[in-house]
Amino acid sequence: MEKSKWPPGDLVIWIFIMAELLVFGVFFSAYAFTRANHVELFNTYQLTLDRNAALINTLALITSSYFVVRAVAAIRNDNSQRCFHWLLAALFMGVVFLVVKGAEYQHHFAHGVNLSTNTFYMFYLSLTFFHFLHVILGMVILIAVALKAKAGGYSASEYTGVETGASYWHMVDLVWMVLFPLVYVMR
């Protein structure tokens, strides 16, 4: 087994990840600045959010990231099938996230909430939907990695693709770990 390189995965994904984190950082900064100037509005409408759904989604993403870590460990041990199964488990948790978040959106839309309802909902919908799209992209990447793993395309000597997909997925998880307390919890 070869020694792991740093950063894990392809360097190009890290450039992409840094660009994405910069965009989310700007979004989070704009949210925090606007919130500081409209505390009462944000506190009032934050109470309309489903914290239980957000907690389920937090647990789903943390669990999925654990499964991705197990997939990387499996391929480092030259076990493509186990890597494939761990990736399927991670994808299942991604589906859980999308279903729960979709139900949250459906609830809000059914009550007439949209981007122009107020400043809080504009940020809530923009931030969470931007993240939602990243979850979908991350799942597409994990599907591609899983299919290649199932076909035996990775080994203990060549698993850069698995680490690349894992790195992106962990970025998606990290962003949620900031978004969850910022939007759902912080008062």
C-alpha atoms as a PDB file:
ATOM      1  CA  MET A   1       0.000   0.000   0.000  1.00  0.00           C
ATOM      2  CA  GLU A   2       1.420   3.367  -1.012  1.00  0.00           C
ATOM      3  CA  LYS A   3       1.733   6.245   1.387  1.00  0.00           C
ATOM      4  CA  SER A   4      -1.193   8.686   1.218  1.00  0.00           C
ATOM      5  CA  LYS A   5      -0.473  11.981  -0.481  1.00  0.00           C
ATOM      6  CA  TRP A   6      -1.545  15.356   0.755  1.00  0.00           C
ATOM      7  CA  PRO A   7      -3.966  16.776  -0.011  1.00  0.00           C
ATOM      8  CA  PRO A   8      -5.993  13.631  -0.629  1.00  0.00           C
ATOM      9  CA  GLY A   9      -7.481  13.227  -4.090  1.00  0.00           C
ATOM     10  CA  ASP A  10      -6.818  15.303  -7.165  1.00  0.00           C
ATOM     11  CA  LEU A  11      -5.392  18.808  -6.666  1.00  0.00           C
ATOM     12  CA  VAL A  12      -8.038  20.226  -9.045  1.00  0.00           C
ATOM     13  CA  ILE A  13     -10.850  19.238  -6.660  1.00  0.00           C
ATOM     14  CA  TRP A  14      -9.113  21.236  -3.936  1.00  0.00           C
ATOM     15  CA  ILE A  15      -9.044  24.333  -6.123  1.00  0.00           C
ATOM     16  CA  PHE A  16     -12.761  23.791  -6.765  1.00  0.00           C
ATOM     17  CA  ILE A  17     -13.433  23.178  -3.043  1.00  0.00           C
ATOM     18  CA  MET A  18     -11.603  26.371  -2.069  1.00  0.00           C
ATOM     19  CA  ALA A  19     -13.609  28.354  -4.624  1.00  0.00           C
ATOM     20  CA  GLU A  20     -16.850  26.851  -3.306  1.00  0.00           C
ATOM     21  CA  LEU A  21     -15.882  27.594   0.294  1.00  0.00           C
ATOM     22  CA  LEU A  22     -15.144  31.178  -0.711  1.00  0.00           C
ATOM     23  CA  VAL A  23     -18.628  31.514  -2.241  1.00  0.00           C
ATOM     24  CA  PHE A  24     -20.266  30.001   0.839  1.00  0.00           C
ATOM     25  CA  GLY A  25     -18.107  32.244   3.045  1.00  0.00           C
ATOM     26  CA  VAL A  26     -19.396  35.328   1.227  1.00  0.00           C
ATOM     27  CA  PHE A  27     -22.972  34.014   1.559  1.00  0.00           C
ATOM     28  CA  PHE A  28     -22.493  33.349   5.289  1.00  0.00           C
ATOM     29  CA  SER A  29     -20.927  36.781   5.831  1.00  0.00           C
ATOM     30  CA  ALA A  30     -23.815  38.508   4.038  1.00  0.00           C
ATOM     31  CA  TYR A  31     -26.269  36.488   6.139  1.00  0.00           C
ATOM     32  CA  ALA A  32     -24.501  37.394   9.408  1.00  0.00           C
ATOM     33  CA  PHE A  33     -24.227  41.080   8.494  1.00  0.00           C
ATOM     34  CA  THR A  34     -27.893  41.282   7.470  1.00  0.00           C
ATOM     35  CA  ARG A  35     -28.985  39.313  10.533  1.00  0.00           C
ATOM     36  CA  ALA A  36     -27.094  41.715  12.800  1.00  0.00           C
ATOM     37  CA  ASN A  37     -29.128  44.563  11.319  1.00  0.00           C
ATOM     38  CA  HIS A  38     -32.482  42.725  11.516  1.00  0.00           C
ATOM     39  CA  VAL A  39     -32.194  40.579  14.647  1.00  0.00           C
ATOM     40  CA  GLU A  40     -35.888  40.637  15.551  1.00  0.00           C
ATOM     41  CA  LEU A  41     -37.004  39.659  12.036  1.00  0.00           C
ATOM     42  CA  PHE A  42     -34.484  36.811  11.848  1.00  0.00           C
ATOM     43  CA  ASN A  43     -35.303  35.539  15.355  1.00  0.00           C
ATOM     44  CA  THR A  44     -39.043  35.588  14.616  1.00  0.00           C
ATOM     45  CA  TYR A  45     -38.896  33.710  11.320  1.00  0.00           C
ATOM     46  CA  GLN A  46     -36.168  31.346  12.440  1.00  0.00           C
ATOM     47  CA  LEU A  47     -38.796  29.880  14.787  1.00  0.00           C
ATOM     48  CA  THR A  48     -40.811  28.789  11.725  1.00  0.00           C
ATOM     49  CA  LEU A  49     -38.027  26.420  10.679  1.00  0.00           C
ATOM     50  CA  ASP A  50     -38.138  22.743  11.577  1.00  0.00           C
ATOM     51  CA  ARG A  51     -35.102  22.206  13.804  1.00  0.00           C
ATOM     52  CA  ASN A  52     -35.897  18.499  14.123  1.00  0.00           C
ATOM     53  CA  ALA A  53     -35.700  18.086  10.345  1.00  0.00           C
ATOM     54  CA  ALA A  54     -32.447  20.052  10.336  1.00  0.00           C
ATOM     55  CA  LEU A  55     -31.062  17.836  13.105  1.00  0.00           C
ATOM     56  CA  ILE A  56     -32.028  14.705  11.152  1.00  0.00           C
ATOM     57  CA  ASN A  57     -30.232  16.178   8.145  1.00  0.00           C
ATOM     58  CA  THR A  58     -27.185  16.980  10.241  1.00  0.00           C
ATOM     59  CA  LEU A  59     -27.051  13.394  11.493  1.00  0.00           C
ATOM     60  CA  ALA A  60     -27.588  12.090   7.947  1.00  0.00           C
ATOM     61  CA  LEU A  61     -24.641  14.085   6.607  1.00  0.00           C
ATOM     62  CA  ILE A  62     -22.340  13.223   9.508  1.00  0.00           C
ATOM     63  CA  THR A  63     -23.225   9.556   9.072  1.00  0.00           C
ATOM     64  CA  SER A  64     -22.716   9.733   5.313  1.00  0.00           C
ATOM     65  CA  SER A  65     -19.276  11.278   5.825  1.00  0.00           C
ATOM     66  CA  TYR A  66     -18.386   8.437   8.187  1.00  0.00           C
ATOM     67  CA  PHE A  67     -19.459   5.965   5.498  1.00  0.00           C
ATOM     68  CA  VAL A  68     -17.275   7.767   2.952  1.00  0.00           C
ATOM     69  CA  VAL A  69     -14.309   7.529   5.342  1.00  0.00           C
ATOM     70  CA  ARG A  70     -14.974   3.782   5.581  1.00  0.00           C
ATOM     71  CA  ALA A  71     -15.071   3.571   1.759  1.00  0.00           C
ATOM     72  CA  VAL A  72     -11.637   5.206   1.525  1.00  0.00           C
ATOM     73  CA  ALA A  73     -10.294   2.845   4.187  1.00  0.00           C
ATOM     74  CA  ALA A  74     -11.734  -0.142   2.295  1.00  0.00           C
ATOM     75  CA  ILE A  75     -10.079   0.783  -0.985  1.00  0.00           C
ATOM     76  CA  ARG A  76      -6.781   1.468   0.766  1.00  0.00           C
ATOM     77  CA  ASN A  77      -7.080  -2.141   1.926  1.00  0.00           C
ATOM     78  CA  ASP A  78      -7.717  -3.177  -1.700  1.00  0.00           C
ATOM     79  CA  ASN A  79     -11.358  -4.081  -1.143  1.00  0.00           C
ATOM     80  CA  SER A  80     -13.330  -2.560  -4.032  1.00  0.00           C
ATOM     81  CA  GLN A  81     -16.588  -4.268  -3.143  1.00  0.00           C
ATOM     82  CA  ARG A  82     -16.534  -3.069   0.435  1.00  0.00           C
ATOM     83  CA  CYS A  83     -15.671   0.427  -0.855  1.00  0.00           C
ATOM     84  CA  PHE A  84     -18.680   0.194  -3.183  1.00  0.00           C
ATOM     85  CA  HIS A  85     -20.986  -0.864  -0.329  1.00  0.00           C
ATOM     86  CA  TRP A  86     -19.820   1.955   1.951  1.00  0.00           C
ATOM     87  CA  LEU A  87     -20.401   4.437  -0.876  1.00  0.00           C
ATOM     88  CA  LEU A  88     -23.922   3.064  -1.358  1.00  0.00           C
ATOM     89  CA  ALA A  89     -24.567   3.590   2.354  1.00  0.00           C
ATOM     90  CA  ALA A  90     -23.278   7.184   2.059  1.00  0.00           C
ATOM     91  CA  LEU A  91     -25.526   7.756  -0.952  1.00  0.00           C
ATOM     92  CA  PHE A  92     -28.517   6.422   0.967  1.00  0.00           C
ATOM     93  CA  MET A  93     -27.871   9.007   3.686  1.00  0.00           C
ATOM     94  CA  GLY A  94     -27.619  11.650   0.968  1.00  0.00           C
ATOM     95  CA  VAL A  95     -31.071  10.588  -0.218  1.00  0.00           C
ATOM     96  CA  VAL A  96     -32.342  10.911   3.356  1.00  0.00           C
ATOM     97  CA  PHE A  97     -30.997  14.473   3.414  1.00  0.00           C
ATOM     98  CA  LEU A  98     -32.671  15.355   0.101  1.00  0.00           C
ATOM     99  CA  VAL A  99     -36.030  13.859   1.107  1.00  0.00           C
ATOM    100  CA  VAL A 100     -36.106  15.622   4.485  1.00  0.00           C
ATOM    101  CA  LYS A 101     -34.974  18.941   2.995  1.00  0.00           C
ATOM    102  CA  GLY A 102     -37.479  18.529   0.154  1.00  0.00           C
ATOM    103  CA  ALA A 103     -40.277  18.021   2.682  1.00  0.00           C
ATOM    104  CA  GLU A 104     -39.139  21.168   4.476  1.00  0.00           C
ATOM    105  CA  TYR A 105     -39.266  23.147   1.233  1.00  0.00           C
ATOM    106  CA  GLN A 106     -42.679  21.721   0.359  1.00  0.00           C
ATOM    107  CA  HIS A 107     -44.021  22.804   3.754  1.00  0.00           C
ATOM    108  CA  HIS A 108     -42.751  26.358   3.325  1.00  0.00           C
ATOM    109  CA  PHE A 109     -43.913  26.665  -0.288  1.00  0.00           C
ATOM    110  CA  ALA A 110     -47.370  25.360   0.681  1.00  0.00           C
ATOM    111  CA  HIS A 111     -47.566  28.227   3.186  1.00  0.00           C
ATOM    112  CA  GLY A 112     -46.702  30.792   0.519  1.00  0.00           C
ATOM    113  CA  VAL A 113     -43.061  31.270   1.503  1.00  0.00           C
ATOM    114  CA  ASN A 114     -40.746  32.277  -1.335  1.00  0.00           C
ATOM    115  CA  LEU A 115     -37.612  34.352  -1.928  1.00  0.00           C
ATOM    116  CA  SER A 116     -39.556  37.615  -1.741  1.00  0.00           C
ATOM    117  CA  THR A 117     -41.484  36.837   1.473  1.00  0.00           C
ATOM    118  CA  ASN A 118     -38.879  38.624   3.609  1.00  0.00           C
ATOM    119  CA  THR A 119     -35.121  38.973   4.059  1.00  0.00           C
ATOM    120  CA  PHE A 120     -34.838  35.985   6.380  1.00  0.00           C
ATOM    121  CA  TYR A 121     -36.588  33.612   3.966  1.00  0.00           C
ATOM    122  CA  MET A 122     -34.572  34.989   1.060  1.00  0.00           C
ATOM    123  CA  PHE A 123     -31.383  33.976   2.865  1.00  0.00           C
ATOM    124  CA  TYR A 124     -32.815  30.718   4.203  1.00  0.00           C
ATOM    125  CA  LEU A 125     -34.020  29.552   0.794  1.00  0.00           C
ATOM    126  CA  SER A 126     -30.943  30.781  -1.064  1.00  0.00           C
ATOM    127  CA  LEU A 127     -28.393  29.315   1.331  1.00  0.00           C
ATOM    128  CA  THR A 128     -30.097  25.987   1.877  1.00  0.00           C
ATOM    129  CA  PHE A 129     -31.007  25.486  -1.787  1.00  0.00           C
ATOM    130  CA  PHE A 130     -27.447  26.317  -2.870  1.00  0.00           C
ATOM    131  CA  HIS A 131     -26.279  23.679  -0.395  1.00  0.00           C
ATOM    132  CA  PHE A 132     -29.028  21.277  -1.605  1.00  0.00           C
ATOM    133  CA  LEU A 133     -27.593  21.561  -5.129  1.00  0.00           C
ATOM    134  CA  HIS A 134     -24.135  20.776  -3.761  1.00  0.00           C
ATOM    135  CA  VAL A 135     -25.497  17.660  -2.088  1.00  0.00           C
ATOM    136  CA  ILE A 136     -26.889  16.559  -5.460  1.00  0.00           C
ATOM    137  CA  LEU A 137     -23.546  17.235  -7.183  1.00  0.00           C
ATOM    138  CA  GLY A 138     -21.738  15.363  -4.415  1.00  0.00           C
ATOM    139  CA  MET A 139     -24.066  12.412  -4.887  1.00  0.00           C
ATOM    140  CA  VAL A 140     -23.433  12.400  -8.644  1.00  0.00           C
ATOM    141  CA  ILE A 141     -19.693  12.309  -7.918  1.00  0.00           C
ATOM    142  CA  LEU A 142     -20.131   9.501  -5.368  1.00  0.00           C
ATOM    143  CA  ILE A 143     -22.269   7.515  -7.831  1.00  0.00           C
ATOM    144  CA  ALA A 144     -19.508   7.768 -10.451  1.00  0.00           C
ATOM    145  CA  VAL A 145     -16.893   6.705  -7.888  1.00  0.00           C
ATOM    146  CA  ALA A 146     -19.099   3.842  -6.628  1.00  0.00           C
ATOM    147  CA  LEU A 147     -19.676   2.497 -10.140  1.00  0.00           C
ATOM    148  CA  LYS A 148     -15.958   2.566 -10.880  1.00  0.00           C
ATOM    149  CA  ALA A 149     -15.250   0.863  -7.538  1.00  0.00           C
ATOM    150  CA  LYS A 150     -17.840  -1.833  -8.314  1.00  0.00           C
ATOM    151  CA  ALA A 151     -16.132  -2.431 -11.660  1.00  0.00           C
ATOM    152  CA  GLY A 152     -12.773  -2.846  -9.909  1.00  0.00           C
ATOM    153  CA  GLY A 153     -11.401   0.450 -11.195  1.00  0.00           C
ATOM    154  CA  TYR A 154      -9.621   1.295  -7.946  1.00  0.00           C
ATOM    155  CA  SER A 155      -7.037  -0.568  -5.921  1.00  0.00           C
ATOM    156  CA  ALA A 156      -4.769  -0.122  -2.919  1.00  0.00           C
ATOM    157  CA  SER A 157      -2.194   1.398  -5.269  1.00  0.00           C
ATOM    158  CA  GLU A 158      -4.586   3.734  -7.131  1.00  0.00           C
ATOM    159  CA  TYR A 159      -7.511   5.265  -5.284  1.00  0.00           C
ATOM    160  CA  THR A 160      -7.161   8.964  -6.097  1.00  0.00           C
ATOM    161  CA  GLY A 161     -10.699   9.035  -7.506  1.00  0.00           C
ATOM    162  CA  VAL A 162     -12.169   7.726  -4.255  1.00  0.00           C
ATOM    163  CA  GLU A 163     -10.281  10.339  -2.243  1.00  0.00           C
ATOM    164  CA  THR A 164     -11.325  13.055  -4.696  1.00  0.00           C
ATOM    165  CA  GLY A 165     -15.010  12.175  -4.303  1.00  0.00           C
ATOM    166  CA  ALA A 166     -14.587  11.874  -0.545  1.00  0.00           C
ATOM    167  CA  SER A 167     -12.937  15.301  -0.320  1.00  0.00           C
ATOM    168  CA  TYR A 168     -15.826  16.951  -2.149  1.00  0.00           C
ATOM    169  CA  TRP A 169     -18.401  15.117  -0.020  1.00  0.00           C
ATOM    170  CA  HIS A 170     -16.680  16.219   3.174  1.00  0.00           C
ATOM    171  CA  MET A 171     -16.782  19.830   1.936  1.00  0.00           C
ATOM    172  CA  VAL A 172     -20.551  19.507   1.482  1.00  0.00           C
ATOM    173  CA  ASP A 173     -20.798  18.147   5.025  1.00  0.00           C
ATOM    174  CA  LEU A 174     -18.555  20.902   6.421  1.00  0.00           C
ATOM    175  CA  VAL A 175     -20.690  23.622   4.829  1.00  0.00           C
ATOM    176  CA  TRP A 176     -23.815  22.141   6.452  1.00  0.00           C
ATOM    177  CA  MET A 177     -22.018  22.096   9.828  1.00  0.00           C
ATOM    178  CA  VAL A 178     -21.743  25.886   9.517  1.00  0.00           C
ATOM    179  CA  LEU A 179     -25.128  26.437   7.863  1.00  0.00           C
ATOM    180  CA  PHE A 180     -27.120  24.416  10.423  1.00  0.00           C
ATOM    181  CA  PRO A 181     -26.219  26.452  13.529  1.00  0.00           C
ATOM    182  CA  LEU A 182     -26.067  29.735  11.616  1.00  0.00           C
ATOM    183  CA  VAL A 183     -29.571  29.471  10.137  1.00  0.00           C
ATOM    184  CA  TYR A 184     -31.444  27.127  12.498  1.00  0.00           C
ATOM    185  CA  VAL A 185     -29.935  27.606  15.956  1.00  0.00           C
ATOM    186  CA  MET A 186     -28.039  30.878  16.454  1.00  0.00           C
ATOM    187  CA  ARG A 187     -30.230  33.557  18.063  1.00  0.00           C
END
